[in-house]
């Protein structure tokens, strides 16, 4: 699927009907459905073999292009004439209020030719994977038709024959079509529909989950419970995991994140309980973000840190996370700033620059030269502090919101990924010497030259320390 989000100003009602008029100011397209599961897998640094079907239409072309951008992702897309690729268009006001959703889609079973082709492609991929995910959205691809002509059942059989775990995100009723799956992950409403049993308490959810285990032969049932967290009904006990305490901005795609993180943990050898806990944390991360979001390894690491340094260390992120956070801040109407440097020995000049930079924006991203980059720029005796130490010091400052280490000699590529509204350098630079300045100004951003505090520099400090007596 393609998730198409449109954001705009809402200042009046239409004279034609009592509905808001949205003046669209920005729109984005991201992979939705099973594509969002692949997107989450890629964000966590794992490889993904992706098998699905699209229509011979613009939506299909867009889904194919978005998939091609995912790192470590190998897509096999069957193009079916007469089938419309699902596109979900969501309209939001600029302050994040969801106004309307419009869907374009085809819900129809696979043709015999499409089924045979996808069975062959999926069987080939199962052989080289550590775990198999079935993301069912009830559009006719996986589970429409009798069991002997059913793609989901064929994939489960292929995986079981090779001893690979199968994790299913289900839809609808009739879960016998998932028989043989290792873990099934219904939400509370889906569990009620599948079993016809009440799910209004912990005990009721456990009873329904146990009934579903018996009916499908699944090893475990992981029930997602929205604001109440998750319940894992497993062979060696039941575990209720409370929801992470985060403000909910948007639940779109949270189930995709859950099954991606849970499946990767299982594939990596984690216990079912540990996998569920990671998935629960990841769900708490993505529901705090607007739109179809992902949780990165850095996000999970930051959330897991419980020490006093958690707040600081959680600010040190990779490029993909910085890009995602910056985009989310912009969606919230916040101004994103960027500055960069070696920041080897922190001195008042650095503090002044960072304060001025933070004063010009709502969120400040700092690009930090890696150790190799510093050596090329400053000589073999530098840096005095390694990049990990420098990043920790920078992240501990209240004026800094994110720290990203870059290995290149200039931050040009990092600036393109962060796409800041404000780019800040010291006034010891001239405008024409500011790396990334032309790029930022090309889309209406600003370049600011901050006042420099005289008599302070790292090089001078090091030189004075070397003077005898």
Protein backbone atom coordinates (compact mmCIF):
# COMPACT_ATOMS: atom_id res chain seq x y z
CA UNK A 1 0.00 0.00 0.00
CA UNK A 2 0.93 3.65 -0.25
CA UNK A 3 0.13 5.97 2.66
CA UNK A 4 -0.42 9.44 1.20
CA UNK A 5 -0.61 12.24 3.79
CA UNK A 6 -1.71 15.78 3.00
CA UNK A 7 -1.23 18.63 5.49
CA UNK A 8 -2.68 22.10 5.27
CA UNK A 9 -4.23 25.16 6.81
CA UNK A 10 -7.84 24.98 7.97
CA UNK A 11 -9.25 28.48 8.43
CA UNK A 12 -12.83 28.27 7.22
CA UNK A 13 -15.78 26.06 6.38
CA UNK A 14 -16.86 25.43 2.82
CA UNK A 15 -19.83 27.50 1.60
CA UNK A 16 -21.03 24.35 -0.18
CA UNK A 17 -21.36 22.15 2.92
CA UNK A 18 -20.42 22.29 6.64
CA UNK A 19 -16.98 20.80 6.04
CA UNK A 20 -13.53 22.31 6.57
CA UNK A 21 -11.59 23.72 3.63
CA UNK A 22 -7.99 22.48 3.67
CA UNK A 23 -5.40 24.56 1.83
CA UNK A 24 -2.76 21.91 1.23
CA UNK A 25 0.75 23.13 2.07
CA UNK A 26 2.65 19.85 2.19
CA UNK A 27 2.20 16.21 1.25
CA UNK A 28 4.17 13.02 1.76
CA UNK A 29 3.99 9.43 0.53
CA UNK A 30 5.31 6.45 2.48
CA UNK A 31 5.02 2.70 2.21
CA UNK A 32 1.97 1.40 4.03
CA UNK A 33 0.63 -2.06 4.80
CA UNK A 34 3.18 -4.83 4.37
CA UNK A 35 5.51 -2.25 2.82
CA UNK A 36 5.62 -0.47 6.16
CA UNK A 37 6.69 -3.72 7.82
CA UNK A 38 9.59 -3.88 5.35
CA UNK A 39 10.34 -0.23 6.07
CA UNK A 40 10.56 -0.96 9.81
CA UNK A 41 12.82 -3.95 9.19
CA UNK A 42 15.15 -1.83 7.08
CA UNK A 43 15.17 0.92 9.73
CA UNK A 44 16.44 -1.62 12.25
CA UNK A 45 19.34 -2.59 10.00
CA UNK A 46 18.11 -6.04 8.92
CA UNK A 47 17.72 -7.50 5.44
CA UNK A 48 14.25 -8.18 4.06
CA UNK A 49 13.00 -10.26 1.14
CA UNK A 50 9.62 -8.78 0.23
CA UNK A 51 7.00 -10.59 -1.87
CA UNK A 52 3.69 -8.98 -2.81
CA UNK A 53 1.41 -7.87 -5.64
CA UNK A 54 0.67 -4.42 -7.07
CA UNK A 55 -1.52 -3.03 -9.80
CA UNK A 56 -0.34 -1.83 -13.18
CA UNK A 57 -1.01 1.75 -12.16
CA UNK A 58 0.56 4.88 -10.73
CA UNK A 59 0.14 3.64 -7.16
CA UNK A 60 1.99 0.47 -8.03
CA UNK A 61 4.82 2.43 -9.61
CA UNK A 62 5.04 4.61 -6.51
CA UNK A 63 5.08 1.59 -4.16
CA UNK A 64 7.80 -0.02 -6.28
CA UNK A 65 9.90 3.15 -6.23
CA UNK A 66 9.55 3.56 -2.45
CA UNK A 67 10.57 -0.07 -1.91
CA UNK A 68 13.61 0.37 -4.15
CA UNK A 69 14.89 3.08 -1.79
CA UNK A 70 14.95 0.80 1.26
CA UNK A 71 18.43 -0.47 2.14
CA UNK A 72 18.98 -4.23 2.32
CA UNK A 73 15.50 -4.87 0.86
CA UNK A 74 15.00 -7.26 -2.04
CA UNK A 75 11.46 -6.82 -3.43
CA UNK A 76 9.58 -9.20 -5.72
CA UNK A 77 6.42 -7.46 -6.93
CA UNK A 78 3.91 -9.22 -9.15
CA UNK A 79 2.22 -6.64 -11.41
CA UNK A 80 -1.42 -7.56 -12.01
CA UNK A 81 -3.48 -5.89 -14.72
CA UNK A 82 -6.92 -4.90 -13.54
CA UNK A 83 -5.86 -4.73 -9.89
CA UNK A 84 -5.75 -1.31 -8.24
CA UNK A 85 -2.88 -0.65 -5.84
CA UNK A 86 -4.18 0.40 -2.43
CA UNK A 87 -3.61 4.09 -1.67
CA UNK A 88 -4.78 5.55 1.62
CA UNK A 89 -4.95 9.35 1.54
CA UNK A 90 -5.14 11.04 4.93
CA UNK A 91 -5.83 14.75 5.37
CA UNK A 92 -4.42 16.58 8.39
CA UNK A 93 -4.47 20.14 9.61
CA UNK A 94 -1.01 21.58 10.18
CA UNK A 95 -1.46 21.12 13.93
CA UNK A 96 -1.82 17.37 13.40
CA UNK A 97 -5.60 16.87 13.61
CA UNK A 98 -6.81 14.02 11.37
CA UNK A 99 -9.63 15.33 9.18
CA UNK A 100 -10.43 12.67 6.59
CA UNK A 101 -9.22 9.43 5.01
CA UNK A 102 -9.96 8.38 1.42
CA UNK A 103 -9.06 4.87 0.14
CA UNK A 104 -8.47 3.55 -3.36
CA UNK A 105 -8.13 -0.21 -3.52
CA UNK A 106 -9.10 -3.56 -5.02
CA UNK A 107 -10.24 -6.39 -2.76
CA UNK A 108 -10.18 -9.52 -4.89
CA UNK A 109 -8.62 -12.99 -4.82
CA UNK A 110 -5.48 -13.79 -6.73
CA UNK A 111 -5.86 -15.28 -10.18
CA UNK A 112 -4.45 -18.83 -10.56
CA UNK A 113 -1.54 -17.39 -12.55
CA UNK A 114 -0.77 -14.73 -9.91
CA UNK A 115 -1.03 -17.32 -7.13
CA UNK A 116 1.39 -19.72 -8.81
CA UNK A 117 3.91 -16.96 -9.49
CA UNK A 118 3.83 -15.63 -5.92
CA UNK A 119 4.03 -19.12 -4.41
CA UNK A 120 7.17 -19.81 -6.43
CA UNK A 121 8.76 -16.46 -5.49
CA UNK A 122 7.91 -16.80 -1.78
CA UNK A 123 9.20 -20.38 -1.56
CA UNK A 124 12.54 -19.29 -3.02
CA UNK A 125 12.87 -16.48 -0.47
CA UNK A 126 11.81 -18.60 2.54
CA UNK A 127 14.82 -20.83 2.00
CA UNK A 128 17.26 -17.98 2.66
CA UNK A 129 15.43 -16.21 5.51
CA UNK A 130 15.61 -16.60 9.31
CA UNK A 131 11.93 -15.85 9.89
CA UNK A 132 8.78 -15.33 7.82
CA UNK A 133 6.16 -12.62 8.33
CA UNK A 134 2.67 -12.82 6.88
CA UNK A 135 1.06 -9.36 6.90
CA UNK A 136 -2.61 -9.90 6.10
CA UNK A 137 -4.70 -6.83 5.25
CA UNK A 138 -7.74 -8.73 3.90
CA UNK A 139 -7.25 -7.43 0.35
CA UNK A 140 -7.27 -10.89 -1.21
CA UNK A 141 -3.56 -11.60 -1.55
CA UNK A 142 -2.86 -14.00 1.31
CA UNK A 143 -5.96 -15.76 2.53
CA UNK A 144 -8.75 -15.57 -0.04
CA UNK A 145 -9.96 -18.91 -1.39
CA UNK A 146 -9.78 -22.53 -0.19
CA UNK A 147 -6.74 -23.68 1.75
CA UNK A 148 -5.36 -25.63 -1.21
CA UNK A 149 -5.40 -22.44 -3.28
CA UNK A 150 -4.22 -20.05 -0.62
CA UNK A 151 -0.90 -18.16 -0.68
CA UNK A 152 -0.66 -17.81 3.10
CA UNK A 153 -1.10 -21.55 3.66
CA UNK A 154 1.48 -22.31 0.98
CA UNK A 155 4.05 -20.01 2.58
CA UNK A 156 3.42 -21.46 6.04
CA UNK A 157 3.92 -24.98 4.70
CA UNK A 158 7.17 -23.99 2.97
CA UNK A 159 8.50 -22.32 6.12
CA UNK A 160 7.55 -25.19 8.42
CA UNK A 161 9.23 -27.69 6.11
CA UNK A 162 12.47 -25.73 6.57
CA UNK A 163 12.02 -25.13 10.31
CA UNK A 164 11.56 -21.35 9.94
CA UNK A 165 9.31 -19.48 12.42
CA UNK A 166 6.20 -17.87 10.91
CA UNK A 167 4.69 -14.76 12.53
CA UNK A 168 1.24 -13.67 11.33
CA UNK A 169 -0.46 -10.29 11.61
CA UNK A 170 -4.03 -11.50 10.95
CA UNK A 171 -7.29 -10.06 9.67
CA UNK A 172 -10.91 -11.19 9.67
CA UNK A 173 -12.17 -14.51 10.99
CA UNK A 174 -11.51 -18.10 10.03
CA UNK A 175 -8.03 -18.40 11.52
CA UNK A 176 -7.77 -22.03 10.42
CA UNK A 177 -6.07 -20.59 7.33
CA UNK A 178 -3.15 -19.64 9.63
CA UNK A 179 -2.84 -23.20 10.98
CA UNK A 180 0.80 -24.09 11.37
CA UNK A 181 1.99 -20.53 12.08
CA UNK A 182 4.36 -20.13 15.02
CA UNK A 183 2.98 -16.88 16.48
CA UNK A 184 -0.21 -14.95 15.65
CA UNK A 185 -0.54 -11.28 16.67
CA UNK A 186 -4.20 -10.16 16.70
CA UNK A 187 -5.35 -6.98 18.32
CA UNK A 188 -8.06 -7.20 20.96
CA UNK A 189 -10.95 -6.70 18.52
CA UNK A 190 -9.52 -9.26 16.09
CA UNK A 191 -9.16 -11.78 18.92
CA UNK A 192 -12.82 -11.29 19.80
CA UNK A 193 -13.91 -11.71 16.16
CA UNK A 194 -11.77 -14.81 15.67
CA UNK A 195 -12.96 -16.63 18.80
CA UNK A 196 -16.40 -15.18 19.53
CA UNK A 197 -15.29 -14.83 23.14
CA UNK A 198 -15.23 -11.77 25.45
CA UNK A 199 -11.96 -9.85 25.74
CA UNK A 200 -12.88 -7.25 28.36
CA UNK A 201 -10.36 -8.28 31.03
CA UNK A 202 -6.93 -9.86 31.41
CA UNK A 203 -8.50 -13.20 32.27
CA UNK A 204 -10.87 -13.06 29.30
CA UNK A 205 -8.03 -12.20 26.91
CA UNK A 206 -5.98 -15.11 28.22
CA UNK A 207 -8.94 -17.51 27.81
CA UNK A 208 -9.57 -16.31 24.24
CA UNK A 209 -5.87 -16.47 23.45
CA UNK A 210 -5.59 -20.01 24.73
CA UNK A 211 -8.62 -21.01 22.65
CA UNK A 212 -7.01 -19.48 19.55
CA UNK A 213 -3.77 -21.34 20.28
CA UNK A 214 -5.66 -24.61 20.41
CA UNK A 215 -7.63 -23.86 17.25
CA UNK A 216 -4.61 -22.87 15.12
CA UNK A 217 -1.82 -24.92 16.67
CA UNK A 218 0.20 -21.73 17.15
CA UNK A 219 2.98 -21.80 19.72
CA UNK A 220 1.99 -18.39 21.09
CA UNK A 221 -0.53 -15.58 20.70
CA UNK A 222 0.60 -11.96 21.12
CA UNK A 223 -2.42 -9.71 21.69
CA UNK A 224 -1.92 -5.99 21.14
CA UNK A 225 -4.19 -3.95 23.41
CA UNK A 226 -3.69 -0.36 22.24
CA UNK A 227 -3.39 1.90 25.29
CA UNK A 228 -3.18 -1.09 27.62
CA UNK A 229 -0.04 -2.62 26.11
CA UNK A 230 0.23 -6.29 25.11
CA UNK A 231 -0.51 -9.78 26.38
CA UNK A 232 1.67 -12.74 25.43
CA UNK A 233 -0.01 -16.13 25.81
CA UNK A 234 2.90 -18.57 25.48
CA UNK A 235 3.57 -22.24 26.33
CA UNK A 236 5.42 -21.43 29.53
CA UNK A 237 3.17 -18.72 30.91
CA UNK A 238 1.24 -15.52 30.33
CA UNK A 239 2.84 -12.08 30.35
CA UNK A 240 0.93 -8.80 30.43
CA UNK A 241 3.08 -5.87 29.30
CA UNK A 242 1.79 -2.39 30.20
CA UNK A 243 1.88 0.28 27.49
CA UNK A 244 4.89 2.55 27.40
CA UNK A 245 4.09 5.93 28.92
CA UNK A 246 4.21 8.12 25.82
CA UNK A 247 1.86 10.72 24.43
CA UNK A 248 -0.11 9.23 21.53
CA UNK A 249 0.05 11.33 18.36
CA UNK A 250 -0.95 8.77 15.73
CA UNK A 251 -1.50 4.99 15.87
CA UNK A 252 -1.13 4.55 12.09
CA UNK A 253 1.20 1.65 11.33
CA UNK A 254 1.91 0.74 14.96
CA UNK A 255 0.95 -2.88 14.30
CA UNK A 256 3.47 -3.01 11.45
CA UNK A 257 6.21 -1.86 13.81
CA UNK A 258 5.19 -4.44 16.41
CA UNK A 259 5.40 -7.42 14.05
CA UNK A 260 8.66 -6.17 12.48
CA UNK A 261 10.45 -5.74 15.83
CA UNK A 262 8.97 -8.89 17.35
CA UNK A 263 9.92 -11.01 14.32
CA UNK A 264 13.46 -9.65 14.14
CA UNK A 265 13.97 -10.39 17.82
CA UNK A 266 12.68 -13.94 17.35
CA UNK A 267 14.88 -14.39 14.27
CA UNK A 268 17.86 -13.21 16.34
CA UNK A 269 17.27 -15.83 19.00
CA UNK A 270 15.47 -13.76 21.65
CA UNK A 271 12.89 -15.40 23.89
CA UNK A 272 9.24 -14.69 23.12
CA UNK A 273 9.00 -12.55 26.26
CA UNK A 274 12.06 -10.46 25.34
CA UNK A 275 10.79 -10.09 21.77
CA UNK A 276 7.38 -8.92 23.04
CA UNK A 277 9.00 -6.40 25.38
CA UNK A 278 11.05 -4.92 22.53
CA UNK A 279 7.97 -4.77 20.31
CA UNK A 280 6.03 -3.05 23.08
CA UNK A 281 8.74 -0.41 23.47
CA UNK A 282 8.84 0.12 19.71
CA UNK A 283 5.07 0.58 19.60
CA UNK A 284 5.35 3.26 22.27
CA UNK A 285 7.91 5.08 20.13
CA UNK A 286 5.95 5.15 16.87
CA UNK A 287 2.57 6.13 18.33
CA UNK A 288 4.26 9.26 19.63
CA UNK A 289 4.98 10.36 16.04
CA UNK A 290 2.70 11.73 13.37
CA UNK A 291 2.00 9.61 10.30
CA UNK A 292 3.37 6.21 9.28
CA UNK A 293 6.52 6.10 11.41
CA UNK A 294 9.31 3.62 12.13
CA UNK A 295 11.45 2.79 15.15
CA UNK A 296 15.20 2.62 14.56
CA UNK A 297 17.84 0.71 16.50
CA UNK A 298 18.93 4.03 18.01
CA UNK A 299 15.35 4.72 19.12
CA UNK A 300 15.17 1.36 20.86
CA UNK A 301 18.59 1.75 22.46
CA UNK A 302 17.64 5.17 23.80
CA UNK A 303 14.36 3.86 25.18
CA UNK A 304 16.10 0.94 26.88
CA UNK A 305 18.65 3.07 28.69
CA UNK A 306 17.70 3.44 32.32
CA UNK A 307 20.78 5.18 33.68
CA UNK A 308 21.16 8.85 34.49
CA UNK A 309 22.87 9.33 31.15
CA UNK A 310 19.85 8.03 29.25
CA UNK A 311 18.66 11.51 28.35
CA UNK A 312 22.06 12.52 26.99
CA UNK A 313 23.00 9.26 25.26
CA UNK A 314 19.58 9.07 23.70
CA UNK A 315 20.37 12.24 21.77
CA UNK A 316 23.24 10.59 19.89
CA UNK A 317 21.60 9.09 16.79
CA UNK A 318 22.38 7.89 13.29
CA UNK A 319 21.55 9.82 10.12
CA UNK A 320 18.31 8.00 9.37
CA UNK A 321 16.99 8.71 12.86
CA UNK A 322 18.04 12.36 12.65
CA UNK A 323 16.27 12.72 9.32
CA UNK A 324 13.12 11.08 10.70
CA UNK A 325 13.12 13.19 13.89
CA UNK A 326 13.69 16.41 11.93
CA UNK A 327 10.80 15.57 9.61
CA UNK A 328 8.56 14.85 12.57
CA UNK A 329 9.50 18.16 14.25
CA UNK A 330 8.65 20.02 11.05
CA UNK A 331 5.28 18.25 10.89
CA UNK A 332 4.67 19.60 14.40
CA UNK A 333 5.38 23.12 13.14
CA UNK A 334 8.78 23.34 14.83
CA UNK A 335 11.78 25.07 13.24
CA UNK A 336 14.82 22.78 12.89
CA UNK A 337 18.33 24.20 13.11
CA UNK A 338 21.72 22.69 12.27
CA UNK A 339 25.32 23.49 13.11
CA UNK A 340 28.48 21.43 13.02
CA UNK A 341 32.07 21.22 14.16
CA UNK A 342 34.79 19.09 15.76
CA UNK A 343 34.00 20.34 19.30
CA UNK A 344 37.18 18.70 20.58
CA UNK A 345 37.72 20.63 23.83
CA UNK A 346 34.51 22.46 24.68
CA UNK A 347 35.12 26.15 25.49
CA UNK A 348 33.01 29.35 25.92
CA UNK A 349 33.15 30.04 22.18
CA UNK A 350 31.45 26.72 21.49
CA UNK A 351 28.83 27.34 24.18
CA UNK A 352 28.05 30.76 22.71
CA UNK A 353 27.68 29.35 19.20
CA UNK A 354 25.33 26.60 20.38
CA UNK A 355 23.22 29.00 22.42
CA UNK A 356 22.86 31.36 19.47
CA UNK A 357 22.02 28.46 17.18
CA UNK A 358 19.36 27.13 19.57
CA UNK A 359 17.96 30.63 19.93
CA UNK A 360 17.30 30.74 16.18
CA UNK A 361 15.28 27.49 16.10
CA UNK A 362 13.05 25.18 18.12
CA UNK A 363 15.19 22.06 17.80
CA UNK A 364 18.96 21.96 17.19
CA UNK A 365 20.81 19.15 15.42
CA UNK A 366 24.61 19.14 15.78
CA UNK A 367 26.82 17.44 13.21
CA UNK A 368 30.03 16.15 14.85
CA UNK A 369 33.14 15.28 12.84
CA UNK A 370 34.28 11.68 13.36
CA UNK A 371 37.78 10.98 14.67
CA UNK A 372 39.04 10.22 11.16
CA UNK A 373 37.53 13.41 9.81
CA UNK A 374 39.13 15.47 12.60
CA UNK A 375 42.55 13.95 11.88
CA UNK A 376 42.30 14.87 8.22
CA UNK A 377 41.27 18.42 9.06
CA UNK A 378 43.42 19.13 12.14
CA UNK A 379 46.38 16.74 11.93
CA UNK A 380 47.38 13.39 13.43
CA UNK A 381 47.54 14.71 17.01
CA UNK A 382 43.82 15.49 17.02
CA UNK A 383 41.25 14.92 18.33
CA UNK A 384 42.20 15.06 22.00
CA UNK A 385 38.89 13.35 22.90
CA UNK A 386 37.46 10.53 20.80
CA UNK A 387 34.13 10.88 19.02
CA UNK A 388 32.22 8.93 21.64
CA UNK A 389 33.40 11.25 24.43
CA UNK A 390 32.78 14.37 22.34
CA UNK A 391 29.29 13.18 21.42
CA UNK A 392 28.42 12.48 25.06
CA UNK A 393 29.57 15.94 26.14
CA UNK A 394 27.63 17.63 23.33
CA UNK A 395 24.48 15.63 24.05
CA UNK A 396 24.58 16.65 27.72
CA UNK A 397 24.02 20.31 26.78
CA UNK A 398 20.48 21.62 27.12
CA UNK A 399 20.83 23.64 23.92
CA UNK A 400 21.44 20.49 21.85
CA UNK A 401 18.58 18.20 20.82
CA UNK A 402 20.38 15.66 18.59
CA UNK A 403 24.00 14.76 17.83
CA UNK A 404 24.99 12.99 14.61
CA UNK A 405 28.58 11.86 13.90
CA UNK A 406 29.62 12.18 10.25
CA UNK A 407 32.73 10.70 8.65
CA UNK A 408 33.11 13.03 5.65
CA UNK A 409 35.27 16.15 5.67
CA UNK A 410 32.16 18.35 5.31
CA UNK A 411 28.59 17.96 6.57
CA UNK A 412 27.07 18.56 3.12
CA UNK A 413 25.35 15.16 2.83
CA UNK A 414 24.16 15.22 6.43
CA UNK A 415 22.63 18.66 5.88
CA UNK A 416 20.71 17.29 2.89
CA UNK A 417 19.30 14.50 5.04
CA UNK A 418 18.36 16.72 7.98
CA UNK A 419 16.95 19.43 5.66
CA UNK A 420 17.19 22.18 8.32
CA UNK A 421 15.20 25.39 8.32
CA UNK A 422 18.18 27.25 9.80
CA UNK A 423 21.90 26.64 9.22
CA UNK A 424 24.25 28.27 11.75
CA UNK A 425 28.02 28.86 11.59
CA UNK A 426 30.32 31.27 13.40
CA UNK A 427 30.92 34.74 11.98
CA UNK A 428 34.56 33.79 11.40
CA UNK A 429 33.10 32.24 8.24
CA UNK A 430 31.80 34.30 5.31
CA UNK A 431 28.48 33.35 3.77
CA UNK A 432 30.08 31.94 0.62
CA UNK A 433 32.22 29.57 2.74
CA UNK A 434 29.33 28.00 4.65
CA UNK A 435 28.95 24.40 3.47
CA UNK A 436 25.32 23.63 2.65
CA UNK A 437 24.28 27.28 2.59
CA UNK A 438 23.12 27.27 -1.02
CA UNK A 439 21.14 24.07 -0.46
CA UNK A 440 19.34 25.41 2.62
CA UNK A 441 18.50 28.70 0.94
CA UNK A 442 17.22 26.89 -2.18
CA UNK A 443 14.06 25.83 -0.32
CA UNK A 444 13.61 29.02 1.72
CA UNK A 445 15.83 28.21 4.71
CA UNK A 446 18.17 30.73 6.37
CA UNK A 447 21.89 30.85 6.95
CA UNK A 448 22.91 32.63 10.17
CA UNK A 449 26.44 33.71 11.10
CA UNK A 450 26.67 33.67 14.89
CA UNK A 451 28.79 36.12 16.87
CA UNK A 452 32.18 34.72 17.80
CA UNK A 453 33.55 34.97 21.33
CA UNK A 454 37.14 36.28 20.95
CA UNK A 455 40.24 34.69 22.49
CA UNK A 456 38.89 31.15 22.56
CA UNK A 457 39.87 28.29 20.26
CA UNK A 458 40.69 24.62 20.80
CA UNK A 459 43.94 24.91 18.83
CA UNK A 460 45.12 27.83 20.96
CA UNK A 461 44.16 26.01 24.16
CA UNK A 462 46.16 22.93 23.17
CA UNK A 463 49.15 25.08 22.15
CA UNK A 464 49.16 26.84 25.54
CA UNK A 465 49.08 23.51 27.34
CA UNK A 466 52.20 22.45 25.49
CA UNK A 467 54.23 25.52 26.53
CA UNK A 468 56.97 24.70 29.05
CA UNK A 469 56.64 25.80 32.67
